[in-house]
């Protein structure tokens, strides 16, 4: 599932209120941020892994039932914003460094991670999915 670009606090609130699934990861980044560029392909991969519902795919188990790859597809929506273009959103979330990731469940902030280490981002997702 592609990452949705947002540009304001209002867009985030609309996304959180209308989001299905109810879990949303918000990435704060900036065009000038080298660590943001470095982690971007990994975030794209994670958005595909956790954000895309299986469409008849997956492996077939011995009992003939379909098994979804990863087992967690369709559970998380990923959104991204540039802190220089959405200063109101950056201020509301208290962004002090980028990249920063905020995990929302049912509209409530439940976890966050600041940094560019993919394994720590995956741990955050694993704790909350």
C-alpha atoms as a PDB file:
ATOM      1  CA  UNK A   1       0.000   0.000   0.000  1.00  0.00           C
ATOM      2  CA  UNK A   2       1.496   3.349  -0.941  1.00  0.00           C
ATOM      3  CA  UNK A   3       2.339   5.807   1.798  1.00  0.00           C
ATOM      4  CA  UNK A   4      -0.119   8.702   1.960  1.00  0.00           C
ATOM      5  CA  UNK A   5       1.436  12.170   1.958  1.00  0.00           C
ATOM      6  CA  UNK A   6      -0.237  14.689   4.269  1.00  0.00           C
ATOM      7  CA  UNK A   7       0.449  18.404   4.659  1.00  0.00           C
ATOM      8  CA  UNK A   8      -1.385  19.572   7.789  1.00  0.00           C
ATOM      9  CA  UNK A   9      -2.634  18.683  11.244  1.00  0.00           C
ATOM     10  CA  UNK A  10      -6.181  18.784   9.870  1.00  0.00           C
ATOM     11  CA  UNK A  11      -5.305  16.086   7.297  1.00  0.00           C
ATOM     12  CA  UNK A  12      -3.832  13.894  10.032  1.00  0.00           C
ATOM     13  CA  UNK A  13      -6.967  14.246  12.145  1.00  0.00           C
ATOM     14  CA  UNK A  14      -9.136  13.356   9.149  1.00  0.00           C
ATOM     15  CA  UNK A  15      -6.915  10.334   8.439  1.00  0.00           C
ATOM     16  CA  UNK A  16      -7.081   9.142  12.049  1.00  0.00           C
ATOM     17  CA  UNK A  17     -10.873   9.544  12.185  1.00  0.00           C
ATOM     18  CA  UNK A  18     -11.544   7.852   8.848  1.00  0.00           C
ATOM     19  CA  UNK A  19      -8.785   5.282   8.874  1.00  0.00           C
ATOM     20  CA  UNK A  20      -9.411   1.642   8.249  1.00  0.00           C
ATOM     21  CA  UNK A  21      -7.383  -0.023   9.599  1.00  0.00           C
ATOM     22  CA  UNK A  22      -7.458   1.819  12.914  1.00  0.00           C
ATOM     23  CA  UNK A  23      -3.668   1.661  13.298  1.00  0.00           C
ATOM     24  CA  UNK A  24      -1.701   4.470  11.646  1.00  0.00           C
ATOM     25  CA  UNK A  25       2.042   5.136  11.508  1.00  0.00           C
ATOM     26  CA  UNK A  26       2.960   8.757  10.863  1.00  0.00           C
ATOM     27  CA  UNK A  27       6.462   9.489   9.581  1.00  0.00           C
ATOM     28  CA  UNK A  28       7.944  12.945  10.044  1.00  0.00           C
ATOM     29  CA  UNK A  29      10.694  13.654   7.535  1.00  0.00           C
ATOM     30  CA  UNK A  30      12.354  16.487   5.637  1.00  0.00           C
ATOM     31  CA  UNK A  31      13.689  16.887   2.107  1.00  0.00           C
ATOM     32  CA  UNK A  32      17.153  17.796   3.427  1.00  0.00           C
ATOM     33  CA  UNK A  33      17.355  14.823   5.839  1.00  0.00           C
ATOM     34  CA  UNK A  34      19.876  12.146   4.752  1.00  0.00           C
ATOM     35  CA  UNK A  35      18.696   9.548   7.335  1.00  0.00           C
ATOM     36  CA  UNK A  36      15.135  10.092   6.044  1.00  0.00           C
ATOM     37  CA  UNK A  37      16.327   9.293   2.523  1.00  0.00           C
ATOM     38  CA  UNK A  38      18.188   6.216   3.776  1.00  0.00           C
ATOM     39  CA  UNK A  39      15.222   4.731   5.639  1.00  0.00           C
ATOM     40  CA  UNK A  40      12.624   5.602   2.969  1.00  0.00           C
ATOM     41  CA  UNK A  41      12.923   2.335   0.965  1.00  0.00           C
ATOM     42  CA  UNK A  42      12.556   0.332   4.176  1.00  0.00           C
ATOM     43  CA  UNK A  43       9.472   2.301   5.191  1.00  0.00           C
ATOM     44  CA  UNK A  44       8.046   1.675   1.703  1.00  0.00           C
ATOM     45  CA  UNK A  45       8.680  -2.060   2.167  1.00  0.00           C
ATOM     46  CA  UNK A  46       7.086  -2.055   5.620  1.00  0.00           C
ATOM     47  CA  UNK A  47       4.049  -0.185   4.296  1.00  0.00           C
ATOM     48  CA  UNK A  48       3.626  -2.898   1.684  1.00  0.00           C
ATOM     49  CA  UNK A  49       4.143  -5.660   4.240  1.00  0.00           C
ATOM     50  CA  UNK A  50       1.838  -4.325   6.953  1.00  0.00           C
ATOM     51  CA  UNK A  51      -0.536  -2.153   4.988  1.00  0.00           C
ATOM     52  CA  UNK A  52      -1.711  -4.275   2.098  1.00  0.00           C
ATOM     53  CA  UNK A  53      -4.524  -6.762   2.362  1.00  0.00           C
ATOM     54  CA  UNK A  54      -3.930 -10.128   0.809  1.00  0.00           C
ATOM     55  CA  UNK A  55      -5.850 -10.633  -2.416  1.00  0.00           C
ATOM     56  CA  UNK A  56      -6.138 -14.380  -2.714  1.00  0.00           C
ATOM     57  CA  UNK A  57      -2.379 -14.694  -2.531  1.00  0.00           C
ATOM     58  CA  UNK A  58      -0.257 -16.255   0.133  1.00  0.00           C
ATOM     59  CA  UNK A  59       0.998 -19.757   0.540  1.00  0.00           C
ATOM     60  CA  UNK A  60      -1.272 -22.717   0.781  1.00  0.00           C
ATOM     61  CA  UNK A  61      -0.853 -24.694   3.976  1.00  0.00           C
ATOM     62  CA  UNK A  62      -0.951 -28.499   4.098  1.00  0.00           C
ATOM     63  CA  UNK A  63      -4.619 -28.431   5.102  1.00  0.00           C
ATOM     64  CA  UNK A  64      -5.462 -26.465   1.932  1.00  0.00           C
ATOM     65  CA  UNK A  65      -6.137 -23.139   3.667  1.00  0.00           C
ATOM     66  CA  UNK A  66      -4.447 -19.964   2.506  1.00  0.00           C
ATOM     67  CA  UNK A  67      -1.815 -18.461   4.787  1.00  0.00           C
ATOM     68  CA  UNK A  68      -1.075 -14.750   4.417  1.00  0.00           C
ATOM     69  CA  UNK A  69       2.578 -13.851   4.042  1.00  0.00           C
ATOM     70  CA  UNK A  70       3.703 -12.061   7.180  1.00  0.00           C
ATOM     71  CA  UNK A  71       0.328 -12.754   8.788  1.00  0.00           C
ATOM     72  CA  UNK A  72      -0.300  -9.050   9.483  1.00  0.00           C
ATOM     73  CA  UNK A  73      -1.339  -7.584   6.181  1.00  0.00           C
ATOM     74  CA  UNK A  74      -3.972  -4.893   6.105  1.00  0.00           C
ATOM     75  CA  UNK A  75      -3.410  -3.838   9.689  1.00  0.00           C
ATOM     76  CA  UNK A  76      -1.535  -0.521   9.434  1.00  0.00           C
ATOM     77  CA  UNK A  77      -1.914   2.637   7.341  1.00  0.00           C
ATOM     78  CA  UNK A  78       1.291   4.617   6.709  1.00  0.00           C
ATOM     79  CA  UNK A  79       1.326   8.401   6.260  1.00  0.00           C
ATOM     80  CA  UNK A  80       4.255  10.784   5.843  1.00  0.00           C
ATOM     81  CA  UNK A  81       4.715  14.523   6.135  1.00  0.00           C
ATOM     82  CA  UNK A  82       7.533  16.997   5.584  1.00  0.00           C
ATOM     83  CA  UNK A  83       8.174  19.037   8.722  1.00  0.00           C
ATOM     84  CA  UNK A  84       8.999  22.118   6.651  1.00  0.00           C
ATOM     85  CA  UNK A  85       5.665  21.963   4.798  1.00  0.00           C
ATOM     86  CA  UNK A  86       3.500  21.033   7.789  1.00  0.00           C
ATOM     87  CA  UNK A  87       4.928  23.024  10.697  1.00  0.00           C
ATOM     88  CA  UNK A  88       1.604  22.848  12.585  1.00  0.00           C
ATOM     89  CA  UNK A  89       1.712  19.059  12.516  1.00  0.00           C
ATOM     90  CA  UNK A  90       5.390  18.925  13.504  1.00  0.00           C
ATOM     91  CA  UNK A  91       4.670  21.225  16.443  1.00  0.00           C
ATOM     92  CA  UNK A  92       1.605  19.235  17.550  1.00  0.00           C
ATOM     93  CA  UNK A  93       3.592  15.974  17.544  1.00  0.00           C
ATOM     94  CA  UNK A  94       6.610  17.585  19.212  1.00  0.00           C
ATOM     95  CA  UNK A  95       9.019  16.679  16.435  1.00  0.00           C
ATOM     96  CA  UNK A  96      12.562  17.646  17.450  1.00  0.00           C
ATOM     97  CA  UNK A  97      14.500  15.356  15.093  1.00  0.00           C
ATOM     98  CA  UNK A  98      13.811  13.460  11.881  1.00  0.00           C
ATOM     99  CA  UNK A  99      13.056  10.831  10.907  1.00  0.00           C
ATOM    100  CA  UNK A 100      10.446  10.335  13.608  1.00  0.00           C
ATOM    101  CA  UNK A 101       7.636   7.790  13.645  1.00  0.00           C
ATOM    102  CA  UNK A 102       4.397   7.980  15.615  1.00  0.00           C
ATOM    103  CA  UNK A 103       2.112   4.972  16.082  1.00  0.00           C
ATOM    104  CA  UNK A 104      -1.593   5.689  16.526  1.00  0.00           C
ATOM    105  CA  UNK A 105      -4.205   3.105  17.455  1.00  0.00           C
ATOM    106  CA  UNK A 106      -7.883   4.060  17.353  1.00  0.00           C
ATOM    107  CA  UNK A 107      -6.855   7.713  17.017  1.00  0.00           C
ATOM    108  CA  UNK A 108      -4.631   7.724  20.121  1.00  0.00           C
ATOM    109  CA  UNK A 109      -0.840   8.083  20.116  1.00  0.00           C
ATOM    110  CA  UNK A 110       0.485   4.865  21.683  1.00  0.00           C
ATOM    111  CA  UNK A 111       4.167   4.740  20.702  1.00  0.00           C
ATOM    112  CA  UNK A 112       6.897   6.670  18.938  1.00  0.00           C
ATOM    113  CA  UNK A 113      10.383   6.155  17.625  1.00  0.00           C
ATOM    114  CA  UNK A 114      12.893   8.812  16.611  1.00  0.00           C
ATOM    115  CA  UNK A 115      15.792   7.693  14.455  1.00  0.00           C
ATOM    116  CA  UNK A 116      16.775   5.904  11.302  1.00  0.00           C
ATOM    117  CA  UNK A 117      17.365   2.343  12.465  1.00  0.00           C
ATOM    118  CA  UNK A 118      15.066  -0.022  10.592  1.00  0.00           C
ATOM    119  CA  UNK A 119      15.253  -2.776  13.208  1.00  0.00           C
ATOM    120  CA  UNK A 120      14.023  -0.401  15.940  1.00  0.00           C
ATOM    121  CA  UNK A 121      11.188   0.799  13.708  1.00  0.00           C
ATOM    122  CA  UNK A 122      10.214  -2.834  13.087  1.00  0.00           C
ATOM    123  CA  UNK A 123      10.286  -3.476  16.848  1.00  0.00           C
ATOM    124  CA  UNK A 124       7.895  -0.559  17.389  1.00  0.00           C
ATOM    125  CA  UNK A 125       5.531  -1.935  14.770  1.00  0.00           C
ATOM    126  CA  UNK A 126       5.783  -5.423  16.264  1.00  0.00           C
ATOM    127  CA  UNK A 127       4.885  -4.131  19.741  1.00  0.00           C
ATOM    128  CA  UNK A 128       1.764  -2.454  18.441  1.00  0.00           C
ATOM    129  CA  UNK A 129       0.355  -4.712  15.737  1.00  0.00           C
END
